[in-house]
Amino acid sequence: METIMNQEAPTQSAEEQVKISNLLKFTPDLENYIKTYIFDNIDKPQNIIEERFSIYDGWERGNIQRGRLCIFFTEFNHKKECDDTMIASYFLHISPTEIKIFLPSNENNIPDITIPFPTDG
């Protein structure tokens, strides 16, 4: 009995205590935060037609929420001599402490960029 009473309860890390689904509800500017980082530090296509930011409902696994940022833009096709619509898709893994960004050219499961989550989690 004595050993059981003296054992400490296992502690959870701060990341395990905060559910990403709850954190996303209270981070309204997350889309702008991610877009601004990509546009300022990676690339901003010219002639943007549309931007779509999606958080996939039900794709939360291991306290990581999946998401995607799609940028639709036009690019001149010299062979056809007209504009083509192009899509740049950035896949996202969002956790309470960081956001992993997979660039459109990424062909593996290793993120190209990791940025801190905009709050303390």
N, C-alpha and C. Protein backbone atom coordinates (compact mmCIF):
# COMPACT_ATOMS: atom_id res chain seq x y z
N MET A 1 0.81 -1.19 0.00
CA MET A 1 0.00 0.00 0.00
C MET A 1 0.86 1.26 0.00
N GLU A 2 1.94 1.22 0.71
CA GLU A 2 2.77 2.41 0.83
C GLU A 2 3.36 2.85 -0.51
N THR A 3 3.77 1.92 -1.36
CA THR A 3 4.35 2.28 -2.64
C THR A 3 3.31 2.89 -3.56
N ILE A 4 2.11 2.44 -3.49
CA ILE A 4 1.05 2.99 -4.33
C ILE A 4 0.74 4.43 -3.93
N MET A 5 0.71 4.74 -2.67
CA MET A 5 0.39 6.08 -2.20
C MET A 5 1.49 7.08 -2.52
N ASN A 6 2.74 6.64 -2.60
CA ASN A 6 3.85 7.53 -2.85
C ASN A 6 4.12 7.77 -4.33
N GLN A 7 3.47 7.02 -5.20
CA GLN A 7 3.69 7.20 -6.63
C GLN A 7 2.98 8.46 -7.10
N GLU A 8 3.69 9.20 -7.96
CA GLU A 8 3.09 10.41 -8.51
C GLU A 8 2.25 10.06 -9.73
N ALA A 9 1.18 10.80 -9.94
CA ALA A 9 0.35 10.60 -11.12
C ALA A 9 1.13 11.05 -12.35
N PRO A 10 1.00 10.33 -13.46
CA PRO A 10 1.71 10.76 -14.67
C PRO A 10 1.22 12.14 -15.11
N THR A 11 2.17 12.98 -15.48
CA THR A 11 1.80 14.32 -15.92
C THR A 11 1.74 14.37 -17.43
N GLN A 12 0.89 15.21 -17.94
CA GLN A 12 0.76 15.39 -19.38
C GLN A 12 1.54 16.62 -19.78
N SER A 13 2.10 16.56 -20.97
CA SER A 13 2.78 17.75 -21.49
C SER A 13 1.73 18.79 -21.85
N ALA A 14 2.16 20.03 -22.01
CA ALA A 14 1.24 21.12 -22.36
C ALA A 14 0.54 20.83 -23.68
N GLU A 15 1.26 20.20 -24.63
CA GLU A 15 0.67 19.90 -25.93
C GLU A 15 -0.46 18.89 -25.80
N GLU A 16 -0.31 17.91 -24.89
CA GLU A 16 -1.36 16.90 -24.71
C GLU A 16 -2.57 17.48 -24.01
N GLN A 17 -2.38 18.51 -23.16
CA GLN A 17 -3.48 19.09 -22.42
C GLN A 17 -4.39 19.95 -23.30
N VAL A 18 -3.85 20.55 -24.34
CA VAL A 18 -4.63 21.43 -25.21
C VAL A 18 -5.06 20.64 -26.44
N LYS A 19 -6.34 20.56 -26.66
CA LYS A 19 -6.86 19.88 -27.86
C LYS A 19 -6.79 20.84 -29.03
N ILE A 20 -6.24 20.38 -30.14
CA ILE A 20 -6.09 21.25 -31.30
C ILE A 20 -7.45 21.72 -31.82
N SER A 21 -8.46 20.86 -31.75
CA SER A 21 -9.79 21.27 -32.24
C SER A 21 -10.33 22.44 -31.43
N ASN A 22 -10.09 22.46 -30.12
CA ASN A 22 -10.51 23.59 -29.28
C ASN A 22 -9.66 24.83 -29.56
N LEU A 23 -8.38 24.64 -29.75
CA LEU A 23 -7.48 25.76 -29.99
C LEU A 23 -7.81 26.47 -31.30
N LEU A 24 -8.18 25.71 -32.32
CA LEU A 24 -8.53 26.30 -33.62
C LEU A 24 -9.75 27.21 -33.53
N LYS A 25 -10.66 26.88 -32.63
CA LYS A 25 -11.87 27.71 -32.47
C LYS A 25 -11.54 29.12 -31.98
N PHE A 26 -10.43 29.24 -31.24
CA PHE A 26 -10.07 30.52 -30.65
C PHE A 26 -8.86 31.16 -31.34
N THR A 27 -8.58 30.73 -32.55
CA THR A 27 -7.49 31.31 -33.35
C THR A 27 -8.07 31.75 -34.69
N PRO A 28 -8.82 32.85 -34.72
CA PRO A 28 -9.54 33.24 -35.93
C PRO A 28 -8.63 33.69 -37.09
N ASP A 29 -7.43 34.16 -36.80
CA ASP A 29 -6.56 34.66 -37.86
C ASP A 29 -5.54 33.64 -38.32
N LEU A 30 -5.79 32.37 -38.07
CA LEU A 30 -4.83 31.33 -38.46
C LEU A 30 -4.61 31.31 -39.96
N GLU A 31 -5.67 31.45 -40.74
CA GLU A 31 -5.54 31.47 -42.20
C GLU A 31 -4.61 32.59 -42.65
N ASN A 32 -4.83 33.80 -42.15
CA ASN A 32 -3.99 34.94 -42.53
C ASN A 32 -2.55 34.75 -42.07
N TYR A 33 -2.36 34.17 -40.89
CA TYR A 33 -1.02 33.91 -40.36
C TYR A 33 -0.25 32.98 -41.30
N ILE A 34 -0.87 31.90 -41.74
CA ILE A 34 -0.21 30.93 -42.61
C ILE A 34 0.02 31.53 -44.00
N LYS A 35 -1.00 32.19 -44.57
CA LYS A 35 -0.84 32.80 -45.90
C LYS A 35 0.26 33.86 -45.89
N THR A 36 0.28 34.70 -44.87
CA THR A 36 1.29 35.75 -44.79
C THR A 36 2.68 35.14 -44.73
N TYR A 37 2.84 34.09 -43.96
CA TYR A 37 4.16 33.45 -43.87
C TYR A 37 4.59 32.89 -45.23
N ILE A 38 3.69 32.19 -45.89
CA ILE A 38 4.02 31.60 -47.19
C ILE A 38 4.34 32.70 -48.21
N PHE A 39 3.51 33.72 -48.28
CA PHE A 39 3.71 34.78 -49.27
C PHE A 39 4.96 35.61 -48.99
N ASP A 40 5.27 35.85 -47.72
CA ASP A 40 6.44 36.66 -47.38
C ASP A 40 7.75 35.89 -47.43
N ASN A 41 7.72 34.60 -47.15
CA ASN A 41 8.96 33.84 -47.01
C ASN A 41 9.19 32.78 -48.08
N ILE A 42 8.17 32.40 -48.81
CA ILE A 42 8.35 31.34 -49.80
C ILE A 42 8.09 31.88 -51.20
N ASP A 43 6.82 32.15 -51.49
CA ASP A 43 6.48 32.61 -52.83
C ASP A 43 5.06 33.15 -52.83
N LYS A 44 4.85 34.19 -53.59
CA LYS A 44 3.50 34.69 -53.82
C LYS A 44 3.30 34.74 -55.32
N PRO A 45 2.45 33.86 -55.83
CA PRO A 45 2.22 33.87 -57.28
C PRO A 45 1.61 35.19 -57.74
N GLN A 46 1.92 35.56 -58.95
CA GLN A 46 1.30 36.73 -59.56
C GLN A 46 -0.08 36.32 -60.08
N ASN A 47 -0.94 37.26 -60.27
CA ASN A 47 -2.26 37.04 -60.89
C ASN A 47 -3.10 36.01 -60.12
N ILE A 48 -3.21 36.19 -58.82
CA ILE A 48 -4.02 35.26 -58.01
C ILE A 48 -5.49 35.46 -58.34
N ILE A 49 -6.16 34.35 -58.61
CA ILE A 49 -7.59 34.36 -58.91
C ILE A 49 -8.40 34.11 -57.63
N GLU A 50 -7.96 33.10 -56.86
CA GLU A 50 -8.71 32.69 -55.69
C GLU A 50 -7.77 32.01 -54.70
N GLU A 51 -8.12 32.10 -53.42
CA GLU A 51 -7.41 31.42 -52.36
C GLU A 51 -8.42 30.61 -51.57
N ARG A 52 -8.10 29.34 -51.29
CA ARG A 52 -8.99 28.50 -50.50
C ARG A 52 -8.21 27.89 -49.34
N PHE A 53 -8.69 28.14 -48.14
CA PHE A 53 -8.08 27.60 -46.93
C PHE A 53 -9.07 26.62 -46.32
N SER A 54 -8.64 25.40 -46.08
CA SER A 54 -9.53 24.37 -45.55
C SER A 54 -8.90 23.68 -44.36
N ILE A 55 -9.70 23.50 -43.32
CA ILE A 55 -9.34 22.63 -42.21
C ILE A 55 -10.25 21.43 -42.36
N TYR A 56 -9.66 20.25 -42.48
CA TYR A 56 -10.45 19.05 -42.75
C TYR A 56 -11.11 18.54 -41.47
N ASP A 57 -12.44 18.64 -41.41
CA ASP A 57 -13.18 18.13 -40.27
C ASP A 57 -13.00 16.62 -40.17
N GLY A 58 -12.75 16.14 -38.96
CA GLY A 58 -12.60 14.71 -38.75
C GLY A 58 -11.23 14.16 -39.09
N TRP A 59 -10.32 15.01 -39.52
CA TRP A 59 -8.96 14.55 -39.86
C TRP A 59 -7.98 14.86 -38.74
N GLU A 60 -8.49 14.97 -37.52
CA GLU A 60 -7.62 15.19 -36.38
C GLU A 60 -7.12 13.83 -35.90
N ARG A 61 -5.81 13.69 -35.84
CA ARG A 61 -5.22 12.42 -35.40
C ARG A 61 -3.96 12.73 -34.61
N GLY A 62 -3.87 12.19 -33.40
CA GLY A 62 -2.71 12.45 -32.57
C GLY A 62 -2.58 13.91 -32.21
N ASN A 63 -3.70 14.60 -32.03
CA ASN A 63 -3.76 16.03 -31.73
C ASN A 63 -3.11 16.88 -32.83
N ILE A 64 -3.17 16.38 -34.05
CA ILE A 64 -2.71 17.12 -35.23
C ILE A 64 -3.89 17.25 -36.18
N GLN A 65 -4.18 18.48 -36.56
CA GLN A 65 -5.27 18.75 -37.49
C GLN A 65 -4.68 18.93 -38.88
N ARG A 66 -5.30 18.31 -39.88
CA ARG A 66 -4.83 18.46 -41.25
C ARG A 66 -5.58 19.60 -41.93
N GLY A 67 -4.89 20.25 -42.85
CA GLY A 67 -5.49 21.35 -43.58
C GLY A 67 -4.80 21.54 -44.91
N ARG A 68 -5.28 22.50 -45.67
CA ARG A 68 -4.74 22.75 -47.00
C ARG A 68 -5.00 24.19 -47.40
N LEU A 69 -4.02 24.79 -48.06
CA LEU A 69 -4.17 26.11 -48.64
C LEU A 69 -3.94 25.97 -50.13
N CYS A 70 -4.95 26.31 -50.93
CA CYS A 70 -4.84 26.25 -52.38
C CYS A 70 -4.87 27.68 -52.93
N ILE A 71 -3.91 27.95 -53.80
CA ILE A 71 -3.82 29.25 -54.46
C ILE A 71 -4.04 29.02 -55.95
N PHE A 72 -5.08 29.62 -56.50
CA PHE A 72 -5.37 29.53 -57.92
C PHE A 72 -4.85 30.81 -58.58
N PHE A 73 -4.06 30.66 -59.63
CA PHE A 73 -3.49 31.83 -60.29
C PHE A 73 -3.34 31.54 -61.78
N THR A 74 -3.16 32.61 -62.56
CA THR A 74 -2.95 32.43 -63.99
C THR A 74 -1.47 32.62 -64.32
N GLU A 75 -1.07 31.89 -65.34
CA GLU A 75 0.31 31.98 -65.84
C GLU A 75 0.24 31.91 -67.36
N PHE A 76 1.00 32.76 -68.01
CA PHE A 76 0.95 32.80 -69.47
C PHE A 76 1.63 31.58 -70.06
N ASN A 77 0.93 30.90 -70.98
CA ASN A 77 1.47 29.74 -71.68
C ASN A 77 1.95 30.23 -73.04
N HIS A 78 3.25 30.22 -73.25
CA HIS A 78 3.83 30.75 -74.48
C HIS A 78 3.53 29.87 -75.70
N LYS A 79 3.35 28.57 -75.50
CA LYS A 79 3.02 27.69 -76.62
C LYS A 79 1.61 27.96 -77.13
N LYS A 80 0.67 28.09 -76.21
CA LYS A 80 -0.73 28.32 -76.59
C LYS A 80 -1.03 29.80 -76.77
N GLU A 81 -0.15 30.63 -76.28
CA GLU A 81 -0.32 32.08 -76.29
C GLU A 81 -1.61 32.52 -75.61
N CYS A 82 -1.82 31.94 -74.43
CA CYS A 82 -2.97 32.32 -73.61
C CYS A 82 -2.63 32.02 -72.15
N ASP A 83 -3.49 32.46 -71.25
CA ASP A 83 -3.29 32.20 -69.83
C ASP A 83 -3.78 30.81 -69.46
N ASP A 84 -3.02 30.12 -68.63
CA ASP A 84 -3.43 28.85 -68.04
C ASP A 84 -3.70 29.08 -66.57
N THR A 85 -4.70 28.39 -66.03
CA THR A 85 -4.96 28.45 -64.60
C THR A 85 -4.12 27.39 -63.91
N MET A 86 -3.38 27.82 -62.90
CA MET A 86 -2.49 26.93 -62.16
C MET A 86 -2.97 26.87 -60.71
N ILE A 87 -2.61 25.79 -60.02
CA ILE A 87 -2.97 25.63 -58.61
C ILE A 87 -1.71 25.28 -57.83
N ALA A 88 -1.48 26.01 -56.77
CA ALA A 88 -0.41 25.68 -55.82
C ALA A 88 -1.08 25.23 -54.53
N SER A 89 -0.86 23.97 -54.13
CA SER A 89 -1.47 23.42 -52.92
C SER A 89 -0.43 23.22 -51.84
N TYR A 90 -0.68 23.80 -50.70
CA TYR A 90 0.18 23.65 -49.53
C TYR A 90 -0.58 22.82 -48.51
N PHE A 91 -0.06 21.65 -48.17
CA PHE A 91 -0.70 20.80 -47.17
C PHE A 91 -0.15 21.17 -45.80
N LEU A 92 -1.02 21.08 -44.78
CA LEU A 92 -0.70 21.56 -43.45
C LEU A 92 -0.96 20.49 -42.40
N HIS A 93 -0.07 20.39 -41.42
CA HIS A 93 -0.29 19.62 -40.20
C HIS A 93 -0.20 20.62 -39.07
N ILE A 94 -1.32 20.82 -38.38
CA ILE A 94 -1.41 21.86 -37.36
C ILE A 94 -1.52 21.20 -35.99
N SER A 95 -0.57 21.53 -35.11
CA SER A 95 -0.60 21.04 -33.73
C SER A 95 -0.64 22.25 -32.80
N PRO A 96 -0.83 22.04 -31.49
CA PRO A 96 -0.91 23.18 -30.58
C PRO A 96 0.38 24.02 -30.50
N THR A 97 1.51 23.47 -30.92
CA THR A 97 2.76 24.23 -30.80
C THR A 97 3.37 24.63 -32.13
N GLU A 98 3.00 23.96 -33.23
CA GLU A 98 3.64 24.26 -34.51
C GLU A 98 2.74 23.93 -35.69
N ILE A 99 3.10 24.51 -36.83
CA ILE A 99 2.40 24.25 -38.08
C ILE A 99 3.45 23.77 -39.07
N LYS A 100 3.23 22.58 -39.59
CA LYS A 100 4.14 22.02 -40.59
C LYS A 100 3.54 22.26 -41.97
N ILE A 101 4.36 22.82 -42.86
CA ILE A 101 3.89 23.18 -44.19
C ILE A 101 4.62 22.31 -45.21
N PHE A 102 3.83 21.68 -46.07
CA PHE A 102 4.37 20.86 -47.15
C PHE A 102 4.17 21.64 -48.45
N LEU A 103 5.25 21.98 -49.11
CA LEU A 103 5.20 22.77 -50.35
C LEU A 103 4.61 21.96 -51.49
N PRO A 104 4.11 22.63 -52.55
CA PRO A 104 3.52 21.91 -53.67
C PRO A 104 4.46 20.88 -54.32
N SER A 105 5.75 21.11 -54.26
CA SER A 105 6.70 20.19 -54.88
C SER A 105 7.07 19.01 -53.99
N ASN A 106 6.57 18.98 -52.76
CA ASN A 106 6.93 17.93 -51.81
C ASN A 106 6.33 16.59 -52.23
N GLU A 107 7.16 15.55 -52.24
CA GLU A 107 6.71 14.21 -52.62
C GLU A 107 6.92 13.20 -51.51
N ASN A 108 7.12 13.66 -50.27
CA ASN A 108 7.31 12.73 -49.16
C ASN A 108 6.55 13.21 -47.94
N ASN A 109 6.78 12.57 -46.81
CA ASN A 109 6.05 12.91 -45.58
C ASN A 109 6.84 13.82 -44.65
N ILE A 110 7.89 14.44 -45.15
CA ILE A 110 8.71 15.33 -44.34
C ILE A 110 8.33 16.77 -44.68
N PRO A 111 7.90 17.56 -43.68
CA PRO A 111 7.50 18.93 -43.98
C PRO A 111 8.69 19.76 -44.46
N ASP A 112 8.41 20.70 -45.35
CA ASP A 112 9.45 21.59 -45.85
C ASP A 112 9.75 22.71 -44.88
N ILE A 113 8.72 23.15 -44.16
CA ILE A 113 8.86 24.29 -43.25
C ILE A 113 8.03 24.01 -42.00
N THR A 114 8.55 24.42 -40.86
CA THR A 114 7.80 24.35 -39.60
C THR A 114 7.82 25.74 -38.98
N ILE A 115 6.63 26.24 -38.68
CA ILE A 115 6.52 27.55 -38.04
C ILE A 115 5.78 27.38 -36.70
N PRO A 116 6.00 28.27 -35.77
CA PRO A 116 5.31 28.15 -34.47
C PRO A 116 3.83 28.48 -34.62
N PHE A 117 3.01 27.83 -33.79
CA PHE A 117 1.60 28.17 -33.74
C PHE A 117 1.50 29.60 -33.21
N PRO A 118 0.56 30.42 -33.69
CA PRO A 118 0.53 31.84 -33.32
C PRO A 118 0.15 32.16 -31.88
N THR A 119 -0.18 31.14 -31.09
CA THR A 119 -0.45 31.37 -29.66
C THR A 119 0.47 30.47 -28.85
N ASP A 120 0.38 30.58 -27.54
CA ASP A 120 1.21 29.74 -26.68
C ASP A 120 0.66 28.33 -26.54
N GLY A 121 -0.48 28.04 -27.16
CA GLY A 121 -1.07 26.71 -27.05
C GLY A 121 -1.75 26.60 -25.74
